[in-house]
Amino acid sequence: MEYLIVCPLVFLAGFIDAIAGGGGLISLPAYLIAGLPPHSAIGTNKFSACLGTTVATWHYARCGFIKWRQVAPAVVMALAGSAFGARLALMVDSEIFKVIMLVVLPLTACYVLRRRDLGGDRTPFSTSKTSLIASTLALLIGIYDGFYGPGTGTFLMLLLTAMAHMSLNEAAGTTKAINLSTNIAALAVFLWHGVVVLPLGAVASVFGIAGNYIGARYFTRKESRIARPVIIVVLSIFFIKICLELLGIA
């Protein structure tokens, strides 16, 4: 029964994550619904997410969407930010972030709906300036990821197009490379503590890989035509999730 619950949802999460980020909003609840304890659910989700994200990152790299000179510093800053955010989480109540998200998410959705072409009509910056802005954004989003986490990939991709003037393709590739790095770092911790359910994670990974591969290929063909509605879906799921949590239902 655990496999019947988890595997289809991990496939869907992989498909969505490859296009717009936010797949964890679907895959993590799937593991919890299947009956895994919270730490095992998070660790096993990281296991399947890492393998799926690896495939999406590989595909985007093959398509030339990842400029490694720009991405490498951003990866380092994201890892540093995530570590700092995790420490910050021990001192600050996460309820504060949830209330802030109730304002941020509708505003983000309005921005996506009003933009006709996400990232397609901005003059590109120089490589050095793009790298600097991307690294700064990666640090800030890394702090958010370590502190709270949901929707990290979606927010990063939108910020890279809006503030670093990346094309949607390049922003998607950069986001995947950063996500892969942070996921691997987190997975190493969970594996060390032995909370990953390897048989379930291994099978779910096959579905996650398939979802990420199909999603990445679909994104390559459709670009913003598919990214916009998927981003709105992710933001909507996130908004509903926070409302339920604040009401004490979820």
C-alpha atoms as a PDB file:
ATOM      1  CA  MET A   1       0.000   0.000   0.000  1.00  0.00           C
ATOM      2  CA  GLU A   2       2.878   2.387   0.779  1.00  0.00           C
ATOM      3  CA  TYR A   3       4.212   1.934  -2.762  1.00  0.00           C
ATOM      4  CA  LEU A   4       0.775   2.502  -4.314  1.00  0.00           C
ATOM      5  CA  ILE A   5       0.439   5.780  -2.421  1.00  0.00           C
ATOM      6  CA  VAL A   6       3.966   7.110  -2.786  1.00  0.00           C
ATOM      7  CA  CYS A   7       5.086   6.166  -6.291  1.00  0.00           C
ATOM      8  CA  PRO A   8       2.395   7.898  -8.402  1.00  0.00           C
ATOM      9  CA  LEU A   9       2.630  11.055  -6.288  1.00  0.00           C
ATOM     10  CA  VAL A  10       6.439  11.084  -6.507  1.00  0.00           C
ATOM     11  CA  PHE A  11       6.124  10.837 -10.295  1.00  0.00           C
ATOM     12  CA  LEU A  12       3.739  13.833 -10.307  1.00  0.00           C
ATOM     13  CA  ALA A  13       6.015  15.725  -7.918  1.00  0.00           C
ATOM     14  CA  GLY A  14       9.021  15.070 -10.162  1.00  0.00           C
ATOM     15  CA  PHE A  15       7.158  16.311 -13.232  1.00  0.00           C
ATOM     16  CA  ILE A  16       6.100  19.522 -11.480  1.00  0.00           C
ATOM     17  CA  ASP A  17       9.479  20.050  -9.810  1.00  0.00           C
ATOM     18  CA  ALA A  18      11.374  19.833 -13.108  1.00  0.00           C
ATOM     19  CA  ILE A  19       9.189  22.571 -14.568  1.00  0.00           C
ATOM     20  CA  ALA A  20       8.588  25.003 -11.732  1.00  0.00           C
ATOM     21  CA  GLY A  21      10.021  23.642  -8.486  1.00  0.00           C
ATOM     22  CA  GLY A  22       7.864  22.886  -5.452  1.00  0.00           C
ATOM     23  CA  GLY A  23       7.615  19.135  -5.990  1.00  0.00           C
ATOM     24  CA  GLY A  24       8.221  18.542  -2.302  1.00  0.00           C
ATOM     25  CA  LEU A  25       4.789  20.016  -1.562  1.00  0.00           C
ATOM     26  CA  ILE A  26       3.394  16.834  -3.138  1.00  0.00           C
ATOM     27  CA  SER A  27       6.010  14.154  -2.467  1.00  0.00           C
ATOM     28  CA  LEU A  28       6.622  14.789   1.254  1.00  0.00           C
ATOM     29  CA  PRO A  29       2.920  14.539   2.220  1.00  0.00           C
ATOM     30  CA  ALA A  30       2.801  11.310   0.181  1.00  0.00           C
ATOM     31  CA  TYR A  31       5.392   9.690   2.439  1.00  0.00           C
ATOM     32  CA  LEU A  32       3.574  10.949   5.541  1.00  0.00           C
ATOM     33  CA  ILE A  33       0.225   9.635   4.275  1.00  0.00           C
ATOM     34  CA  ALA A  34       1.910   6.269   3.672  1.00  0.00           C
ATOM     35  CA  GLY A  35       2.647   6.110   7.390  1.00  0.00           C
ATOM     36  CA  LEU A  36       6.348   6.961   7.623  1.00  0.00           C
ATOM     37  CA  PRO A  37       7.512   8.845  10.732  1.00  0.00           C
ATOM     38  CA  PRO A  38       8.337  12.510   9.990  1.00  0.00           C
ATOM     39  CA  HIS A  39      12.152  12.140   9.972  1.00  0.00           C
ATOM     40  CA  SER A  40      11.982   9.024   7.799  1.00  0.00           C
ATOM     41  CA  ALA A  41       9.511  10.740   5.475  1.00  0.00           C
ATOM     42  CA  ILE A  42      11.814  13.741   5.053  1.00  0.00           C
ATOM     43  CA  GLY A  43      14.931  11.594   4.593  1.00  0.00           C
ATOM     44  CA  THR A  44      13.321   9.176   2.141  1.00  0.00           C
ATOM     45  CA  ASN A  45      11.822  12.087   0.223  1.00  0.00           C
ATOM     46  CA  LYS A  46      15.308  13.614  -0.064  1.00  0.00           C
ATOM     47  CA  PHE A  47      16.602  10.304  -1.418  1.00  0.00           C
ATOM     48  CA  SER A  48      14.057  10.073  -4.252  1.00  0.00           C
ATOM     49  CA  ALA A  49      14.222  13.844  -4.875  1.00  0.00           C
ATOM     50  CA  CYS A  50      18.013  13.790  -5.252  1.00  0.00           C
ATOM     51  CA  LEU A  51      17.957  11.134  -7.951  1.00  0.00           C
ATOM     52  CA  GLY A  52      15.096  12.791  -9.805  1.00  0.00           C
ATOM     53  CA  THR A  53      16.703  16.224  -9.611  1.00  0.00           C
ATOM     54  CA  THR A  54      19.968  14.748 -10.894  1.00  0.00           C
ATOM     55  CA  VAL A  55      18.202  13.685 -14.094  1.00  0.00           C
ATOM     56  CA  ALA A  56      16.543  17.095 -14.557  1.00  0.00           C
ATOM     57  CA  THR A  57      19.859  18.863 -13.916  1.00  0.00           C
ATOM     58  CA  TRP A  58      21.628  16.597 -16.405  1.00  0.00           C
ATOM     59  CA  HIS A  59      18.984  17.328 -19.049  1.00  0.00           C
ATOM     60  CA  TYR A  60      19.168  21.089 -18.543  1.00  0.00           C
ATOM     61  CA  ALA A  61      22.977  20.969 -18.621  1.00  0.00           C
ATOM     62  CA  ARG A  62      22.864  19.062 -21.918  1.00  0.00           C
ATOM     63  CA  CYS A  63      20.555  21.717 -23.341  1.00  0.00           C
ATOM     64  CA  GLY A  64      23.016  24.464 -22.333  1.00  0.00           C
ATOM     65  CA  PHE A  65      20.742  25.995 -19.676  1.00  0.00           C
ATOM     66  CA  ILE A  66      23.405  25.860 -16.945  1.00  0.00           C
ATOM     67  CA  LYS A  67      26.364  28.259 -17.076  1.00  0.00           C
ATOM     68  CA  TRP A  68      28.658  26.684 -14.531  1.00  0.00           C
ATOM     69  CA  ARG A  69      30.775  29.823 -13.979  1.00  0.00           C
ATOM     70  CA  GLN A  70      27.644  31.590 -12.743  1.00  0.00           C
ATOM     71  CA  VAL A  71      26.190  28.604 -10.935  1.00  0.00           C
ATOM     72  CA  ALA A  72      29.218  27.506  -8.863  1.00  0.00           C
ATOM     73  CA  PRO A  73      29.344  30.611  -6.590  1.00  0.00           C
ATOM     74  CA  ALA A  74      25.547  30.498  -6.205  1.00  0.00           C
ATOM     75  CA  VAL A  75      25.737  26.862  -5.076  1.00  0.00           C
ATOM     76  CA  VAL A  76      28.285  27.753  -2.388  1.00  0.00           C
ATOM     77  CA  MET A  77      26.154  30.662  -1.160  1.00  0.00           C
ATOM     78  CA  ALA A  78      23.009  28.504  -1.115  1.00  0.00           C
ATOM     79  CA  LEU A  79      24.751  25.897   1.040  1.00  0.00           C
ATOM     80  CA  ALA A  80      25.987  28.592   3.427  1.00  0.00           C
ATOM     81  CA  GLY A  81      22.549  30.182   3.590  1.00  0.00           C
ATOM     82  CA  SER A  82      20.848  26.849   4.235  1.00  0.00           C
ATOM     83  CA  ALA A  83      23.195  26.095   7.132  1.00  0.00           C
ATOM     84  CA  PHE A  84      22.536  29.530   8.629  1.00  0.00           C
ATOM     85  CA  GLY A  85      18.776  29.175   8.118  1.00  0.00           C
ATOM     86  CA  ALA A  86      18.765  25.819   9.916  1.00  0.00           C
ATOM     87  CA  ARG A  87      20.436  27.437  12.929  1.00  0.00           C
ATOM     88  CA  LEU A  88      18.043  30.373  12.760  1.00  0.00           C
ATOM     89  CA  ALA A  89      15.122  27.938  12.865  1.00  0.00           C
ATOM     90  CA  LEU A  90      16.218  26.904  16.348  1.00  0.00           C
ATOM     91  CA  MET A  91      15.776  30.483  17.587  1.00  0.00           C
ATOM     92  CA  VAL A  92      12.751  31.837  15.684  1.00  0.00           C
ATOM     93  CA  ASP A  93       9.203  30.454  15.499  1.00  0.00           C
ATOM     94  CA  SER A  94       8.353  29.217  11.997  1.00  0.00           C
ATOM     95  CA  GLU A  95       4.788  30.540  12.448  1.00  0.00           C
ATOM     96  CA  ILE A  96       6.191  33.981  11.605  1.00  0.00           C
ATOM     97  CA  PHE A  97       7.252  32.737   8.175  1.00  0.00           C
ATOM     98  CA  LYS A  98       3.837  31.164   7.596  1.00  0.00           C
ATOM     99  CA  VAL A  99       2.053  34.447   8.228  1.00  0.00           C
ATOM    100  CA  ILE A 100       4.481  36.276   5.909  1.00  0.00           C
ATOM    101  CA  MET A 101       3.844  33.656   3.199  1.00  0.00           C
ATOM    102  CA  LEU A 102       0.104  34.372   3.345  1.00  0.00           C
ATOM    103  CA  VAL A 103       0.962  37.810   1.920  1.00  0.00           C
ATOM    104  CA  VAL A 104       3.886  36.813  -0.302  1.00  0.00           C
ATOM    105  CA  LEU A 105       2.155  33.948  -2.135  1.00  0.00           C
ATOM    106  CA  PRO A 106      -0.825  35.905  -3.542  1.00  0.00           C
ATOM    107  CA  LEU A 107       1.518  38.728  -4.590  1.00  0.00           C
ATOM    108  CA  THR A 108       3.793  36.204  -6.309  1.00  0.00           C
ATOM    109  CA  ALA A 109       0.819  34.651  -8.099  1.00  0.00           C
ATOM    110  CA  CYS A 110      -0.287  38.104  -9.315  1.00  0.00           C
ATOM    111  CA  TYR A 111       3.218  38.766 -10.618  1.00  0.00           C
ATOM    112  CA  VAL A 112       3.269  35.484 -12.562  1.00  0.00           C
ATOM    113  CA  LEU A 113      -0.189  36.093 -14.025  1.00  0.00           C
ATOM    114  CA  ARG A 114       0.671  39.639 -15.123  1.00  0.00           C
ATOM    115  CA  ARG A 115       3.971  38.720 -16.773  1.00  0.00           C
ATOM    116  CA  ARG A 116       3.335  37.691 -20.370  1.00  0.00           C
ATOM    117  CA  ASP A 117       6.774  36.168 -20.803  1.00  0.00           C
ATOM    118  CA  LEU A 118       8.659  35.148 -17.674  1.00  0.00           C
ATOM    119  CA  GLY A 119      12.258  36.208 -18.193  1.00  0.00           C
ATOM    120  CA  GLY A 120      11.956  36.607 -21.931  1.00  0.00           C
ATOM    121  CA  ASP A 121      11.927  40.390 -22.315  1.00  0.00           C
ATOM    122  CA  ARG A 122      14.811  41.530 -20.103  1.00  0.00           C
ATOM    123  CA  THR A 123      18.232  42.674 -21.258  1.00  0.00           C
ATOM    124  CA  PRO A 124      20.829  40.168 -19.967  1.00  0.00           C
ATOM    125  CA  PHE A 125      23.480  41.392 -17.531  1.00  0.00           C
ATOM    126  CA  SER A 126      27.187  40.635 -17.859  1.00  0.00           C
ATOM    127  CA  THR A 127      28.375  37.257 -16.577  1.00  0.00           C
ATOM    128  CA  SER A 128      30.004  38.787 -13.484  1.00  0.00           C
ATOM    129  CA  LYS A 129      26.939  40.867 -12.574  1.00  0.00           C
ATOM    130  CA  THR A 130      24.583  37.948 -13.160  1.00  0.00           C
ATOM    131  CA  SER A 131      26.772  35.710 -11.005  1.00  0.00           C
ATOM    132  CA  LEU A 132      26.842  38.286  -8.188  1.00  0.00           C
ATOM    133  CA  ILE A 133      23.068  38.749  -8.186  1.00  0.00           C
ATOM    134  CA  ALA A 134      22.434  35.005  -8.501  1.00  0.00           C
ATOM    135  CA  SER A 135      24.786  34.296  -5.583  1.00  0.00           C
ATOM    136  CA  THR A 136      23.052  36.897  -3.402  1.00  0.00           C
ATOM    137  CA  LEU A 137      19.638  35.453  -4.230  1.00  0.00           C
ATOM    138  CA  ALA A 138      20.925  31.929  -3.596  1.00  0.00           C
ATOM    139  CA  LEU A 139      22.149  32.997  -0.154  1.00  0.00           C
ATOM    140  CA  LEU A 140      18.780  34.527   0.776  1.00  0.00           C
ATOM    141  CA  ILE A 141      16.749  31.631  -0.612  1.00  0.00           C
ATOM    142  CA  GLY A 142      19.192  29.225   1.042  1.00  0.00           C
ATOM    143  CA  ILE A 143      18.417  30.842   4.403  1.00  0.00           C
ATOM    144  CA  TYR A 144      14.707  30.414   3.693  1.00  0.00           C
ATOM    145  CA  ASP A 145      15.260  26.810   2.640  1.00  0.00           C
ATOM    146  CA  GLY A 146      17.149  25.966   5.813  1.00  0.00           C
ATOM    147  CA  PHE A 147      14.628  27.794   8.003  1.00  0.00           C
ATOM    148  CA  TYR A 148      11.331  26.694   6.422  1.00  0.00           C
ATOM    149  CA  GLY A 149      11.791  25.332   2.891  1.00  0.00           C
ATOM    150  CA  PRO A 150       8.576  24.756   0.864  1.00  0.00           C
ATOM    151  CA  GLY A 151       8.550  26.345  -2.597  1.00  0.00           C
ATOM    152  CA  THR A 152      12.264  27.138  -2.555  1.00  0.00           C
ATOM    153  CA  GLY A 153      12.830  26.198  -6.201  1.00  0.00           C
ATOM    154  CA  THR A 154       9.803  28.151  -7.396  1.00  0.00           C
ATOM    155  CA  PHE A 155      10.824  31.333  -5.584  1.00  0.00           C
ATOM    156  CA  LEU A 156      14.435  31.044  -6.750  1.00  0.00           C
ATOM    157  CA  MET A 157      13.476  30.587 -10.390  1.00  0.00           C
ATOM    158  CA  LEU A 158      11.156  33.597 -10.332  1.00  0.00           C
ATOM    159  CA  LEU A 159      13.765  35.769  -8.594  1.00  0.00           C
ATOM    160  CA  LEU A 160      16.475  34.762 -11.067  1.00  0.00           C
ATOM    161  CA  THR A 161      14.318  35.845 -13.997  1.00  0.00           C
ATOM    162  CA  ALA A 162      13.134  39.070 -12.328  1.00  0.00           C
ATOM    163  CA  MET A 163      16.332  40.309 -10.668  1.00  0.00           C
ATOM    164  CA  ALA A 164      19.245  38.519 -12.370  1.00  0.00           C
ATOM    165  CA  HIS A 165      17.637  38.965 -15.819  1.00  0.00           C
ATOM    166  CA  MET A 166      18.110  35.283 -16.654  1.00  0.00           C
ATOM    167  CA  SER A 167      16.016  33.686 -19.360  1.00  0.00           C
ATOM    168  CA  LEU A 168      13.421  31.220 -18.070  1.00  0.00           C
ATOM    169  CA  ASN A 169      15.505  28.328 -19.394  1.00  0.00           C
ATOM    170  CA  GLU A 170      18.684  29.517 -17.694  1.00  0.00           C
ATOM    171  CA  ALA A 171      16.839  30.227 -14.443  1.00  0.00           C
ATOM    172  CA  ALA A 172      15.363  26.719 -14.468  1.00  0.00           C
ATOM    173  CA  GLY A 173      18.789  25.157 -15.053  1.00  0.00           C
ATOM    174  CA  THR A 174      20.461  27.271 -12.368  1.00  0.00           C
ATOM    175  CA  THR A 175      17.699  26.472  -9.883  1.00  0.00           C
ATOM    176  CA  LYS A 176      18.029  22.737 -10.526  1.00  0.00           C
ATOM    177  CA  ALA A 177      21.815  22.793 -10.036  1.00  0.00           C
ATOM    178  CA  ILE A 178      21.425  24.645  -6.732  1.00  0.00           C
ATOM    179  CA  ASN A 179      18.594  22.380  -5.569  1.00  0.00           C
ATOM    180  CA  LEU A 180      20.631  19.300  -6.364  1.00  0.00           C
ATOM    181  CA  SER A 181      23.546  20.525  -4.262  1.00  0.00           C
ATOM    182  CA  THR A 182      21.430  21.403  -1.236  1.00  0.00           C
ATOM    183  CA  ASN A 183      19.487  18.130  -1.516  1.00  0.00           C
ATOM    184  CA  ILE A 184      22.694  16.084  -1.575  1.00  0.00           C
ATOM    185  CA  ALA A 185      23.987  17.891   1.523  1.00  0.00           C
ATOM    186  CA  ALA A 186      20.740  17.211   3.388  1.00  0.00           C
ATOM    187  CA  LEU A 187      20.549  13.596   2.182  1.00  0.00           C
ATOM    188  CA  ALA A 188      24.044  12.890   3.494  1.00  0.00           C
ATOM    189  CA  VAL A 189      22.874  13.876   6.984  1.00  0.00           C
ATOM    190  CA  PHE A 190      19.766  11.672   6.804  1.00  0.00           C
ATOM    191  CA  LEU A 191      21.736   8.684   5.494  1.00  0.00           C
ATOM    192  CA  TRP A 192      24.306   9.118   8.272  1.00  0.00           C
ATOM    193  CA  HIS A 193      21.534   8.941  10.872  1.00  0.00           C
ATOM    194  CA  GLY A 194      19.926   5.912   9.206  1.00  0.00           C
ATOM    195  CA  VAL A 195      16.412   7.334   8.829  1.00  0.00           C
ATOM    196  CA  VAL A 196      16.074   6.751   5.071  1.00  0.00           C
ATOM    197  CA  VAL A 197      13.777   3.848   4.119  1.00  0.00           C
ATOM    198  CA  LEU A 198      15.956   2.598   1.280  1.00  0.00           C
ATOM    199  CA  PRO A 199      13.653  -0.010  -0.391  1.00  0.00           C
ATOM    200  CA  LEU A 200      10.735   2.434  -0.671  1.00  0.00           C
ATOM    201  CA  GLY A 201      13.061   5.299  -1.584  1.00  0.00           C
ATOM    202  CA  ALA A 202      14.738   3.262  -4.324  1.00  0.00           C
ATOM    203  CA  VAL A 203      11.464   2.283  -6.002  1.00  0.00           C
ATOM    204  CA  ALA A 204      10.014   5.782  -5.620  1.00  0.00           C
ATOM    205  CA  SER A 205      13.209   7.158  -7.154  1.00  0.00           C
ATOM    206  CA  VAL A 206      12.440   5.343 -10.412  1.00  0.00           C
ATOM    207  CA  PHE A 207       9.121   7.172 -10.581  1.00  0.00           C
ATOM    208  CA  GLY A 208      10.762  10.443  -9.555  1.00  0.00           C
ATOM    209  CA  ILE A 209      13.391  10.073 -12.261  1.00  0.00           C
ATOM    210  CA  ALA A 210      10.677   9.405 -14.865  1.00  0.00           C
ATOM    211  CA  GLY A 211       8.658  12.413 -13.712  1.00  0.00           C
ATOM    212  CA  ASN A 212      11.669  14.730 -13.731  1.00  0.00           C
ATOM    213  CA  TYR A 213      12.811  13.522 -17.144  1.00  0.00           C
ATOM    214  CA  ILE A 214       9.409  13.950 -18.759  1.00  0.00           C
ATOM    215  CA  GLY A 215       8.903  17.300 -17.030  1.00  0.00           C
ATOM    216  CA  ALA A 216      12.316  18.611 -18.113  1.00  0.00           C
ATOM    217  CA  ARG A 217      11.735  17.570 -21.730  1.00  0.00           C
ATOM    218  CA  TYR A 218       8.256  19.082 -21.693  1.00  0.00           C
ATOM    219  CA  PHE A 219       9.614  22.340 -20.252  1.00  0.00           C
ATOM    220  CA  THR A 220      12.286  22.474 -22.970  1.00  0.00           C
ATOM    221  CA  ARG A 221       9.558  22.413 -25.622  1.00  0.00           C
ATOM    222  CA  LYS A 222       6.866  24.547 -23.989  1.00  0.00           C
ATOM    223  CA  GLU A 223       8.888  26.950 -21.777  1.00  0.00           C
ATOM    224  CA  SER A 224       6.729  29.695 -20.234  1.00  0.00           C
ATOM    225  CA  ARG A 225       3.526  28.279 -21.713  1.00  0.00           C
ATOM    226  CA  ILE A 226       3.780  25.340 -19.338  1.00  0.00           C
ATOM    227  CA  ALA A 227       5.793  27.044 -16.578  1.00  0.00           C
ATOM    228  CA  ARG A 228       3.215  29.737 -15.811  1.00  0.00           C
ATOM    229  CA  PRO A 229       0.215  27.442 -15.054  1.00  0.00           C
ATOM    230  CA  VAL A 230       2.410  24.968 -13.147  1.00  0.00           C
ATOM    231  CA  ILE A 231       3.865  27.765 -10.994  1.00  0.00           C
ATOM    232  CA  ILE A 232       0.343  28.969 -10.191  1.00  0.00           C
ATOM    233  CA  VAL A 233      -0.620  25.410  -9.177  1.00  0.00           C
ATOM    234  CA  VAL A 234       2.440  25.144  -6.898  1.00  0.00           C
ATOM    235  CA  LEU A 235       1.728  28.519  -5.275  1.00  0.00           C
ATOM    236  CA  SER A 236      -1.915  27.547  -4.744  1.00  0.00           C
ATOM    237  CA  ILE A 237      -0.992  24.237  -3.092  1.00  0.00           C
ATOM    238  CA  PHE A 238       1.503  26.052  -0.871  1.00  0.00           C
ATOM    239  CA  PHE A 239      -1.086  28.681   0.114  1.00  0.00           C
ATOM    240  CA  ILE A 240      -3.679  26.028   1.016  1.00  0.00           C
ATOM    241  CA  LYS A 241      -1.069  24.077   2.977  1.00  0.00           C
ATOM    242  CA  ILE A 242      -0.146  27.115   5.106  1.00  0.00           C
ATOM    243  CA  CYS A 243      -3.787  28.000   5.753  1.00  0.00           C
ATOM    244  CA  LEU A 244      -4.476  24.451   6.957  1.00  0.00           C
ATOM    245  CA  GLU A 245      -1.397  24.493   9.175  1.00  0.00           C
ATOM    246  CA  LEU A 246      -2.323  27.835  10.755  1.00  0.00           C
ATOM    247  CA  LEU A 247      -5.862  26.522  11.380  1.00  0.00           C
ATOM    248  CA  GLY A 248      -4.379  23.422  13.011  1.00  0.00           C
ATOM    249  CA  ILE A 249      -5.932  21.066  10.463  1.00  0.00           C
ATOM    250  CA  ALA A 250      -2.712  19.835   8.805  1.00  0.00           C
END
